[in-house]
Amino acid sequence: MADVGIVMGSDSDMPVMAKAAELLEELGVSYEMRIISAHREPDVFFDYAKSAEERGLKVIIAGAGKAAHLPGMCAALFPLPVIGIPMKTSDLGGVDSLYSIVQMPSGIPVATVAINGGANAAILAAKILAVSDEALRERVKAYGARLKEQVVEKDETLRDKGYRAFLPKQ
C-alpha cells in the first residue's frame, strides 16, 4: 500500500513528476503514480481522489499546468494534505498554473511548491509523513545533511581553483 499518490493530468508532466518519485524512492517512501485528467475523464478522477484515503494514501502530490485544476480538485475530495506542483507552460511560463493552484478558496488548501518543483514536493510530502515516522525523519535529516555537504564541497572547489573566499572570523 502506498503512502503518497503522485497524479498528473498529462504525460508531458512526467519529467517533473518523475523527480518527485525518484526522491521519494531515495527517502524510502512508498508511492503510486497515475496520469488522470480531471477535465477529460472526470469519473476516473473522482474515483481516484475519493478512494485515496481508503487505499491508504496519506498525501497526494498533484502536478498540473495552465488552468491547473487537478491539485485543487484533489484537495476538495481528499481529506489529507495535497501538494500542488505548477507546471511550466509555453503560454505564460507556469505563472498561470501557479496562480491557479495557490489561490484556492478558503477551506480547501493546497500546499504549493515552485513551478516544476517536483523534488521539493517530494521532500514536503516526506516531512509531512515524518511527523509520525521517526525512521523517515532521520532519513530526511540525512538527506538535508547530504545537501549541506554538497555545498561545502563546491565551495572548497572554488578555493582549490584560486578564487578568493570570505571566511568568517573565528
N, C-alpha and C. Protein backbone atom coordinates (compact mmCIF):
# COMPACT_ATOMS: atom_id res chain seq x y z
N MET A 1 0.84 -1.18 0.00
CA MET A 1 0.00 0.00 0.00
C MET A 1 0.89 1.24 0.00
N ALA A 2 0.59 2.19 -0.84
CA ALA A 2 1.39 3.41 -0.98
C ALA A 2 0.99 4.46 0.05
N ASP A 3 1.97 5.26 0.47
CA ASP A 3 1.72 6.38 1.36
C ASP A 3 1.43 7.67 0.60
N VAL A 4 2.03 7.82 -0.60
CA VAL A 4 1.90 9.05 -1.38
C VAL A 4 1.33 8.71 -2.75
N GLY A 5 0.37 9.50 -3.17
CA GLY A 5 -0.13 9.39 -4.54
C GLY A 5 0.48 10.52 -5.36
N ILE A 6 1.00 10.17 -6.52
CA ILE A 6 1.51 11.17 -7.46
C ILE A 6 0.58 11.12 -8.65
N VAL A 7 -0.04 12.25 -8.96
CA VAL A 7 -1.00 12.28 -10.05
C VAL A 7 -0.74 13.50 -10.93
N MET A 8 -0.90 13.29 -12.22
CA MET A 8 -0.70 14.37 -13.19
C MET A 8 -1.74 14.23 -14.28
N GLY A 9 -2.00 15.33 -14.96
CA GLY A 9 -3.03 15.33 -15.98
C GLY A 9 -2.56 14.92 -17.35
N SER A 10 -1.24 14.88 -17.56
CA SER A 10 -0.71 14.58 -18.89
C SER A 10 0.68 13.97 -18.76
N ASP A 11 1.05 13.16 -19.74
CA ASP A 11 2.40 12.59 -19.72
C ASP A 11 3.47 13.65 -19.97
N SER A 12 3.09 14.83 -20.46
CA SER A 12 4.06 15.91 -20.63
C SER A 12 4.57 16.40 -19.27
N ASP A 13 3.85 16.10 -18.19
CA ASP A 13 4.27 16.47 -16.84
C ASP A 13 5.26 15.46 -16.24
N MET A 14 5.46 14.34 -16.92
CA MET A 14 6.24 13.24 -16.37
C MET A 14 7.67 13.61 -15.96
N PRO A 15 8.41 14.39 -16.72
CA PRO A 15 9.78 14.70 -16.27
C PRO A 15 9.83 15.35 -14.89
N VAL A 16 8.90 16.24 -14.60
CA VAL A 16 8.86 16.90 -13.29
C VAL A 16 8.36 15.92 -12.23
N MET A 17 7.32 15.17 -12.53
CA MET A 17 6.75 14.26 -11.56
C MET A 17 7.70 13.09 -11.26
N ALA A 18 8.51 12.71 -12.24
CA ALA A 18 9.50 11.65 -12.03
C ALA A 18 10.52 12.07 -10.98
N LYS A 19 10.84 13.36 -10.91
CA LYS A 19 11.77 13.84 -9.88
C LYS A 19 11.18 13.60 -8.50
N ALA A 20 9.88 13.82 -8.37
CA ALA A 20 9.23 13.55 -7.08
C ALA A 20 9.32 12.07 -6.75
N ALA A 21 9.02 11.22 -7.72
CA ALA A 21 9.06 9.78 -7.49
C ALA A 21 10.46 9.31 -7.12
N GLU A 22 11.46 9.82 -7.84
CA GLU A 22 12.84 9.41 -7.56
C GLU A 22 13.28 9.79 -6.16
N LEU A 23 12.91 10.97 -5.72
CA LEU A 23 13.29 11.41 -4.38
C LEU A 23 12.54 10.65 -3.31
N LEU A 24 11.26 10.36 -3.55
CA LEU A 24 10.52 9.52 -2.59
C LEU A 24 11.18 8.16 -2.47
N GLU A 25 11.60 7.58 -3.59
CA GLU A 25 12.30 6.30 -3.54
C GLU A 25 13.58 6.41 -2.72
N GLU A 26 14.35 7.47 -2.97
CA GLU A 26 15.60 7.68 -2.23
C GLU A 26 15.35 7.76 -0.73
N LEU A 27 14.23 8.36 -0.34
CA LEU A 27 13.89 8.51 1.07
C LEU A 27 13.14 7.30 1.64
N GLY A 28 12.87 6.31 0.80
CA GLY A 28 12.19 5.11 1.26
C GLY A 28 10.71 5.28 1.50
N VAL A 29 10.07 6.17 0.74
CA VAL A 29 8.64 6.43 0.89
C VAL A 29 7.90 5.75 -0.27
N SER A 30 6.90 4.96 0.06
CA SER A 30 6.13 4.25 -0.97
C SER A 30 5.18 5.22 -1.67
N TYR A 31 4.98 4.99 -2.96
CA TYR A 31 4.10 5.87 -3.74
C TYR A 31 3.44 5.08 -4.86
N GLU A 32 2.38 5.67 -5.40
CA GLU A 32 1.77 5.21 -6.64
C GLU A 32 1.71 6.41 -7.57
N MET A 33 1.74 6.17 -8.87
CA MET A 33 1.74 7.26 -9.83
C MET A 33 0.69 6.99 -10.90
N ARG A 34 -0.08 8.04 -11.22
CA ARG A 34 -1.13 7.92 -12.23
C ARG A 34 -1.17 9.14 -13.12
N ILE A 35 -1.60 8.96 -14.35
CA ILE A 35 -1.96 10.05 -15.25
C ILE A 35 -3.48 10.03 -15.35
N ILE A 36 -4.10 11.08 -14.82
CA ILE A 36 -5.56 11.17 -14.81
C ILE A 36 -5.93 12.62 -15.09
N SER A 37 -6.79 12.83 -16.03
CA SER A 37 -7.23 14.19 -16.34
C SER A 37 -8.56 14.49 -15.65
N ALA A 38 -8.55 15.53 -14.82
CA ALA A 38 -9.80 15.95 -14.17
C ALA A 38 -10.80 16.46 -15.19
N HIS A 39 -10.32 16.96 -16.32
CA HIS A 39 -11.21 17.51 -17.34
C HIS A 39 -11.65 16.47 -18.36
N ARG A 40 -10.75 15.61 -18.78
CA ARG A 40 -11.06 14.67 -19.87
C ARG A 40 -11.67 13.35 -19.39
N GLU A 41 -11.44 13.01 -18.13
CA GLU A 41 -12.04 11.78 -17.58
C GLU A 41 -12.44 12.01 -16.13
N PRO A 42 -13.41 12.89 -15.92
CA PRO A 42 -13.77 13.26 -14.55
C PRO A 42 -14.24 12.09 -13.69
N ASP A 43 -14.89 11.10 -14.27
CA ASP A 43 -15.36 9.95 -13.47
C ASP A 43 -14.18 9.18 -12.90
N VAL A 44 -13.15 8.97 -13.70
CA VAL A 44 -11.95 8.26 -13.24
C VAL A 44 -11.26 9.10 -12.15
N PHE A 45 -11.16 10.40 -12.40
CA PHE A 45 -10.53 11.27 -11.42
C PHE A 45 -11.28 11.24 -10.08
N PHE A 46 -12.60 11.39 -10.12
CA PHE A 46 -13.38 11.40 -8.89
C PHE A 46 -13.20 10.09 -8.13
N ASP A 47 -13.19 8.98 -8.82
CA ASP A 47 -12.98 7.69 -8.17
C ASP A 47 -11.61 7.64 -7.51
N TYR A 48 -10.58 8.11 -8.23
CA TYR A 48 -9.22 8.12 -7.69
C TYR A 48 -9.16 8.94 -6.40
N ALA A 49 -9.62 10.17 -6.46
CA ALA A 49 -9.49 11.08 -5.32
C ALA A 49 -10.38 10.65 -4.14
N LYS A 50 -11.58 10.19 -4.43
CA LYS A 50 -12.49 9.79 -3.35
C LYS A 50 -12.03 8.51 -2.66
N SER A 51 -11.35 7.63 -3.37
CA SER A 51 -10.91 6.36 -2.78
C SER A 51 -9.49 6.41 -2.23
N ALA A 52 -8.81 7.54 -2.37
CA ALA A 52 -7.40 7.64 -1.98
C ALA A 52 -7.18 7.36 -0.49
N GLU A 53 -7.98 7.91 0.36
CA GLU A 53 -7.83 7.68 1.80
C GLU A 53 -8.05 6.22 2.13
N GLU A 54 -9.10 5.65 1.58
CA GLU A 54 -9.44 4.24 1.80
C GLU A 54 -8.30 3.32 1.33
N ARG A 55 -7.60 3.72 0.27
CA ARG A 55 -6.49 2.93 -0.26
C ARG A 55 -5.21 3.13 0.54
N GLY A 56 -5.24 4.01 1.53
CA GLY A 56 -4.09 4.18 2.41
C GLY A 56 -3.20 5.37 2.11
N LEU A 57 -3.54 6.17 1.11
CA LEU A 57 -2.71 7.33 0.83
C LEU A 57 -2.80 8.32 1.99
N LYS A 58 -1.66 8.95 2.28
CA LYS A 58 -1.61 9.94 3.36
C LYS A 58 -1.36 11.34 2.83
N VAL A 59 -0.80 11.43 1.62
CA VAL A 59 -0.51 12.70 0.97
C VAL A 59 -0.67 12.48 -0.53
N ILE A 60 -1.17 13.49 -1.23
CA ILE A 60 -1.21 13.46 -2.68
C ILE A 60 -0.35 14.59 -3.21
N ILE A 61 0.49 14.28 -4.17
CA ILE A 61 1.24 15.28 -4.93
C ILE A 61 0.58 15.34 -6.30
N ALA A 62 0.07 16.52 -6.66
CA ALA A 62 -0.65 16.67 -7.92
C ALA A 62 0.01 17.76 -8.76
N GLY A 63 0.41 17.39 -9.96
CA GLY A 63 1.02 18.36 -10.86
C GLY A 63 0.03 18.74 -11.94
N ALA A 64 0.04 20.03 -12.32
CA ALA A 64 -0.90 20.48 -13.34
C ALA A 64 -0.40 21.77 -13.97
N GLY A 65 -0.76 21.94 -15.22
CA GLY A 65 -0.41 23.15 -15.95
C GLY A 65 -1.65 23.90 -16.39
N LYS A 66 -1.43 25.12 -16.87
CA LYS A 66 -2.48 26.02 -17.37
C LYS A 66 -3.56 26.24 -16.33
N ALA A 67 -4.79 25.79 -16.56
CA ALA A 67 -5.87 26.02 -15.59
C ALA A 67 -5.59 25.32 -14.27
N ALA A 68 -4.83 24.23 -14.31
CA ALA A 68 -4.29 23.56 -13.12
C ALA A 68 -5.34 23.20 -12.08
N HIS A 69 -6.41 22.57 -12.49
CA HIS A 69 -7.47 22.22 -11.56
C HIS A 69 -7.21 20.95 -10.76
N LEU A 70 -6.31 20.11 -11.22
CA LEU A 70 -6.10 18.80 -10.59
C LEU A 70 -5.76 18.89 -9.09
N PRO A 71 -4.79 19.71 -8.67
CA PRO A 71 -4.49 19.76 -7.23
C PRO A 71 -5.67 20.25 -6.39
N GLY A 72 -6.36 21.27 -6.83
CA GLY A 72 -7.49 21.80 -6.07
C GLY A 72 -8.63 20.82 -5.98
N MET A 73 -8.89 20.13 -7.07
CA MET A 73 -9.96 19.13 -7.04
C MET A 73 -9.58 17.96 -6.13
N CYS A 74 -8.29 17.59 -6.12
CA CYS A 74 -7.84 16.56 -5.18
C CYS A 74 -8.10 17.03 -3.75
N ALA A 75 -7.75 18.28 -3.46
CA ALA A 75 -7.93 18.82 -2.11
C ALA A 75 -9.40 18.89 -1.72
N ALA A 76 -10.27 19.11 -2.70
CA ALA A 76 -11.70 19.17 -2.41
C ALA A 76 -12.27 17.80 -2.04
N LEU A 77 -11.66 16.74 -2.55
CA LEU A 77 -12.19 15.39 -2.35
C LEU A 77 -11.41 14.54 -1.36
N PHE A 78 -10.13 14.85 -1.15
CA PHE A 78 -9.23 14.06 -0.30
C PHE A 78 -9.02 14.81 1.00
N PRO A 79 -9.30 14.21 2.17
CA PRO A 79 -9.26 14.96 3.42
C PRO A 79 -7.87 15.18 4.02
N LEU A 80 -6.85 14.65 3.40
CA LEU A 80 -5.49 14.78 3.92
C LEU A 80 -4.68 15.74 3.03
N PRO A 81 -3.40 16.00 3.35
CA PRO A 81 -2.65 17.02 2.61
C PRO A 81 -2.49 16.75 1.11
N VAL A 82 -2.60 17.83 0.35
CA VAL A 82 -2.35 17.81 -1.09
C VAL A 82 -1.27 18.85 -1.38
N ILE A 83 -0.28 18.44 -2.15
CA ILE A 83 0.81 19.33 -2.55
C ILE A 83 0.69 19.53 -4.05
N GLY A 84 0.57 20.78 -4.47
CA GLY A 84 0.44 21.09 -5.88
C GLY A 84 1.77 21.50 -6.50
N ILE A 85 2.01 20.99 -7.69
CA ILE A 85 3.19 21.40 -8.46
C ILE A 85 2.70 22.10 -9.71
N PRO A 86 2.89 23.41 -9.79
CA PRO A 86 2.53 24.11 -11.03
C PRO A 86 3.55 23.79 -12.12
N MET A 87 3.06 23.45 -13.29
CA MET A 87 3.93 23.11 -14.40
C MET A 87 4.26 24.34 -15.24
N LYS A 88 5.48 24.40 -15.69
CA LYS A 88 5.86 25.47 -16.61
C LYS A 88 5.09 25.28 -17.91
N THR A 89 4.50 26.34 -18.39
CA THR A 89 3.71 26.27 -19.61
C THR A 89 4.34 27.14 -20.69
N SER A 90 4.03 26.82 -21.92
CA SER A 90 4.57 27.60 -23.03
C SER A 90 3.89 28.96 -23.14
N ASP A 91 2.65 29.04 -22.69
CA ASP A 91 1.91 30.29 -22.83
C ASP A 91 2.38 31.37 -21.85
N LEU A 92 2.37 31.04 -20.56
CA LEU A 92 2.66 32.04 -19.54
C LEU A 92 3.78 31.62 -18.59
N GLY A 93 4.55 30.64 -18.99
CA GLY A 93 5.71 30.23 -18.21
C GLY A 93 5.42 29.53 -16.90
N GLY A 94 4.19 29.16 -16.67
CA GLY A 94 3.81 28.48 -15.43
C GLY A 94 3.19 29.38 -14.40
N VAL A 95 3.22 30.70 -14.63
CA VAL A 95 2.59 31.62 -13.68
C VAL A 95 1.09 31.37 -13.63
N ASP A 96 0.51 31.03 -14.78
CA ASP A 96 -0.92 30.70 -14.81
C ASP A 96 -1.21 29.50 -13.90
N SER A 97 -0.38 28.48 -13.99
CA SER A 97 -0.54 27.28 -13.16
C SER A 97 -0.35 27.61 -11.68
N LEU A 98 0.68 28.39 -11.40
CA LEU A 98 0.98 28.77 -10.02
C LEU A 98 -0.20 29.50 -9.39
N TYR A 99 -0.72 30.52 -10.07
CA TYR A 99 -1.85 31.27 -9.52
C TYR A 99 -3.07 30.37 -9.33
N SER A 100 -3.32 29.48 -10.28
CA SER A 100 -4.48 28.61 -10.18
C SER A 100 -4.38 27.71 -8.95
N ILE A 101 -3.20 27.19 -8.68
CA ILE A 101 -3.04 26.24 -7.57
C ILE A 101 -3.00 26.96 -6.23
N VAL A 102 -2.29 28.07 -6.16
CA VAL A 102 -2.10 28.73 -4.88
C VAL A 102 -3.33 29.52 -4.42
N GLN A 103 -4.19 29.93 -5.33
CA GLN A 103 -5.34 30.76 -4.99
C GLN A 103 -6.60 29.93 -4.75
N MET A 104 -6.50 28.95 -3.89
CA MET A 104 -7.64 28.11 -3.57
C MET A 104 -8.60 28.82 -2.62
N PRO A 105 -9.88 28.47 -2.70
CA PRO A 105 -10.84 29.11 -1.79
C PRO A 105 -10.61 28.68 -0.34
N SER A 106 -11.07 29.50 0.58
CA SER A 106 -10.95 29.21 1.99
C SER A 106 -11.53 27.83 2.31
N GLY A 107 -10.77 27.06 3.07
CA GLY A 107 -11.20 25.73 3.47
C GLY A 107 -10.71 24.61 2.58
N ILE A 108 -10.11 24.93 1.44
CA ILE A 108 -9.60 23.91 0.51
C ILE A 108 -8.13 24.23 0.21
N PRO A 109 -7.24 24.10 1.21
CA PRO A 109 -5.85 24.47 0.97
C PRO A 109 -5.10 23.45 0.12
N VAL A 110 -4.17 23.97 -0.67
CA VAL A 110 -3.21 23.14 -1.40
C VAL A 110 -1.83 23.71 -1.12
N ALA A 111 -0.97 22.93 -0.49
CA ALA A 111 0.42 23.36 -0.32
C ALA A 111 1.01 23.43 -1.71
N THR A 112 1.68 24.52 -2.02
CA THR A 112 2.15 24.72 -3.39
C THR A 112 3.66 24.96 -3.40
N VAL A 113 4.36 24.23 -4.25
CA VAL A 113 5.79 24.41 -4.40
C VAL A 113 6.07 25.21 -5.66
N ALA A 114 7.32 25.41 -5.96
CA ALA A 114 7.72 26.22 -7.11
C ALA A 114 7.29 25.58 -8.43
N ILE A 115 7.26 26.39 -9.45
CA ILE A 115 6.98 25.90 -10.80
C ILE A 115 8.01 24.81 -11.12
N ASN A 116 7.50 23.64 -11.56
CA ASN A 116 8.32 22.46 -11.86
C ASN A 116 9.07 21.93 -10.63
N GLY A 117 8.53 22.15 -9.44
CA GLY A 117 9.20 21.79 -8.19
C GLY A 117 8.94 20.38 -7.71
N GLY A 118 9.18 19.40 -8.56
CA GLY A 118 8.93 18.01 -8.20
C GLY A 118 9.73 17.53 -7.00
N ALA A 119 11.00 17.89 -6.93
CA ALA A 119 11.84 17.45 -5.80
C ALA A 119 11.33 18.04 -4.49
N ASN A 120 11.00 19.33 -4.49
CA ASN A 120 10.51 19.94 -3.25
C ASN A 120 9.17 19.36 -2.82
N ALA A 121 8.34 18.99 -3.77
CA ALA A 121 7.06 18.36 -3.41
C ALA A 121 7.31 17.04 -2.69
N ALA A 122 8.29 16.28 -3.16
CA ALA A 122 8.61 15.00 -2.51
C ALA A 122 9.17 15.23 -1.11
N ILE A 123 10.04 16.21 -0.97
CA ILE A 123 10.61 16.50 0.35
C ILE A 123 9.51 16.94 1.31
N LEU A 124 8.60 17.80 0.85
CA LEU A 124 7.50 18.24 1.70
C LEU A 124 6.60 17.06 2.09
N ALA A 125 6.30 16.20 1.14
CA ALA A 125 5.49 15.00 1.46
C ALA A 125 6.20 14.14 2.50
N ALA A 126 7.50 13.94 2.33
CA ALA A 126 8.26 13.14 3.30
C ALA A 126 8.27 13.80 4.68
N LYS A 127 8.40 15.12 4.73
CA LYS A 127 8.38 15.81 6.01
C LYS A 127 7.02 15.70 6.68
N ILE A 128 5.95 15.75 5.91
CA ILE A 128 4.61 15.57 6.47
C ILE A 128 4.49 14.17 7.08
N LEU A 129 4.94 13.17 6.35
CA LEU A 129 4.88 11.80 6.85
C LEU A 129 5.81 11.58 8.04
N ALA A 130 6.93 12.30 8.06
CA ALA A 130 7.93 12.14 9.11
C ALA A 130 7.45 12.62 10.47
N VAL A 131 6.37 13.37 10.50
CA VAL A 131 5.80 13.81 11.78
C VAL A 131 5.48 12.60 12.66
N SER A 132 5.04 11.52 12.03
CA SER A 132 4.68 10.32 12.81
C SER A 132 5.54 9.11 12.46
N ASP A 133 6.70 9.33 11.85
CA ASP A 133 7.58 8.23 11.44
C ASP A 133 9.02 8.65 11.72
N GLU A 134 9.54 8.23 12.87
CA GLU A 134 10.87 8.66 13.30
C GLU A 134 11.97 8.19 12.36
N ALA A 135 11.84 6.99 11.81
CA ALA A 135 12.86 6.49 10.89
C ALA A 135 12.91 7.34 9.62
N LEU A 136 11.75 7.72 9.11
CA LEU A 136 11.71 8.59 7.94
C LEU A 136 12.28 9.96 8.29
N ARG A 137 11.97 10.45 9.49
CA ARG A 137 12.51 11.75 9.91
C ARG A 137 14.04 11.73 9.88
N GLU A 138 14.63 10.63 10.31
CA GLU A 138 16.10 10.52 10.29
C GLU A 138 16.62 10.49 8.84
N ARG A 139 15.89 9.83 7.93
CA ARG A 139 16.30 9.81 6.52
C ARG A 139 16.20 11.21 5.90
N VAL A 140 15.16 11.95 6.28
CA VAL A 140 15.01 13.32 5.79
C VAL A 140 16.16 14.19 6.31
N LYS A 141 16.51 14.03 7.59
CA LYS A 141 17.64 14.78 8.16
C LYS A 141 18.94 14.42 7.43
N ALA A 142 19.14 13.14 7.16
CA ALA A 142 20.35 12.71 6.46
C ALA A 142 20.40 13.29 5.05
N TYR A 143 19.25 13.37 4.40
CA TYR A 143 19.19 13.98 3.06
C TYR A 143 19.62 15.44 3.14
N GLY A 144 19.11 16.17 4.12
CA GLY A 144 19.49 17.57 4.31
C GLY A 144 20.98 17.71 4.58
N ALA A 145 21.54 16.80 5.37
CA ALA A 145 22.99 16.83 5.64
C ALA A 145 23.79 16.60 4.36
N ARG A 146 23.30 15.71 3.50
CA ARG A 146 23.99 15.47 2.22
C ARG A 146 23.96 16.73 1.35
N LEU A 147 22.84 17.44 1.36
CA LEU A 147 22.77 18.69 0.60
C LEU A 147 23.81 19.69 1.12
N LYS A 148 23.93 19.80 2.43
CA LYS A 148 24.91 20.70 3.03
C LYS A 148 26.32 20.30 2.61
N GLU A 149 26.62 19.00 2.68
CA GLU A 149 27.95 18.52 2.29
C GLU A 149 28.26 18.87 0.84
N GLN A 150 27.27 18.78 -0.04
CA GLN A 150 27.48 19.12 -1.45
C GLN A 150 27.87 20.58 -1.61
N VAL A 151 27.22 21.46 -0.85
CA VAL A 151 27.53 22.88 -0.93
C VAL A 151 28.94 23.15 -0.41
N VAL A 152 29.30 22.52 0.71
CA VAL A 152 30.65 22.70 1.27
C VAL A 152 31.70 22.24 0.26
N GLU A 153 31.47 21.09 -0.38
CA GLU A 153 32.41 20.58 -1.38
C GLU A 153 32.55 21.54 -2.55
N LYS A 154 31.45 22.09 -3.02
CA LYS A 154 31.50 23.04 -4.14
C LYS A 154 32.23 24.31 -3.75
N ASP A 155 32.04 24.76 -2.51
CA ASP A 155 32.73 25.95 -2.03
C ASP A 155 34.23 25.69 -1.96
N GLU A 156 34.62 24.53 -1.47
CA GLU A 156 36.04 24.19 -1.40
C GLU A 156 36.65 24.10 -2.79
N THR A 157 35.89 23.64 -3.76
CA THR A 157 36.37 23.57 -5.14
C THR A 157 36.72 24.96 -5.66
N LEU A 158 35.94 25.97 -5.28
CA LEU A 158 36.25 27.34 -5.69
C LEU A 158 37.61 27.77 -5.16
N ARG A 159 37.88 27.49 -3.90
CA ARG A 159 39.17 27.87 -3.32
C ARG A 159 40.30 27.08 -3.97
N ASP A 160 40.06 25.81 -4.28
CA ASP A 160 41.07 25.00 -4.95
C ASP A 160 41.42 25.57 -6.31
N LYS A 161 40.47 26.24 -6.94
CA LYS A 161 40.70 26.83 -8.26
C LYS A 161 41.28 28.24 -8.16
N GLY A 162 41.55 28.71 -6.94
CA GLY A 162 42.19 30.01 -6.76
C GLY A 162 41.25 31.17 -6.56
N TYR A 163 39.97 30.95 -6.48
CA TYR A 163 39.04 32.05 -6.22
C TYR A 163 39.13 32.46 -4.75
N ARG A 164 38.99 33.77 -4.53
CA ARG A 164 39.03 34.28 -3.16
C ARG A 164 37.70 33.96 -2.47
N ALA A 165 37.79 33.77 -1.19
CA ALA A 165 36.59 33.45 -0.43
C ALA A 165 36.53 34.30 0.83
N PHE A 166 35.34 34.67 1.22
CA PHE A 166 35.13 35.32 2.52
C PHE A 166 35.06 34.22 3.55
N LEU A 167 35.92 34.30 4.53
CA LEU A 167 35.87 33.34 5.62
C LEU A 167 35.59 34.11 6.90
N PRO A 168 34.55 33.75 7.64
CA PRO A 168 34.20 34.49 8.86
C PRO A 168 35.31 34.40 9.90
N LYS A 169 35.39 35.44 10.75
CA LYS A 169 36.37 35.45 11.84
C LYS A 169 36.00 34.37 12.84
N GLN A 170 37.01 33.76 13.37
CA GLN A 170 36.80 32.69 14.36
C GLN A 170 36.69 33.25 15.75
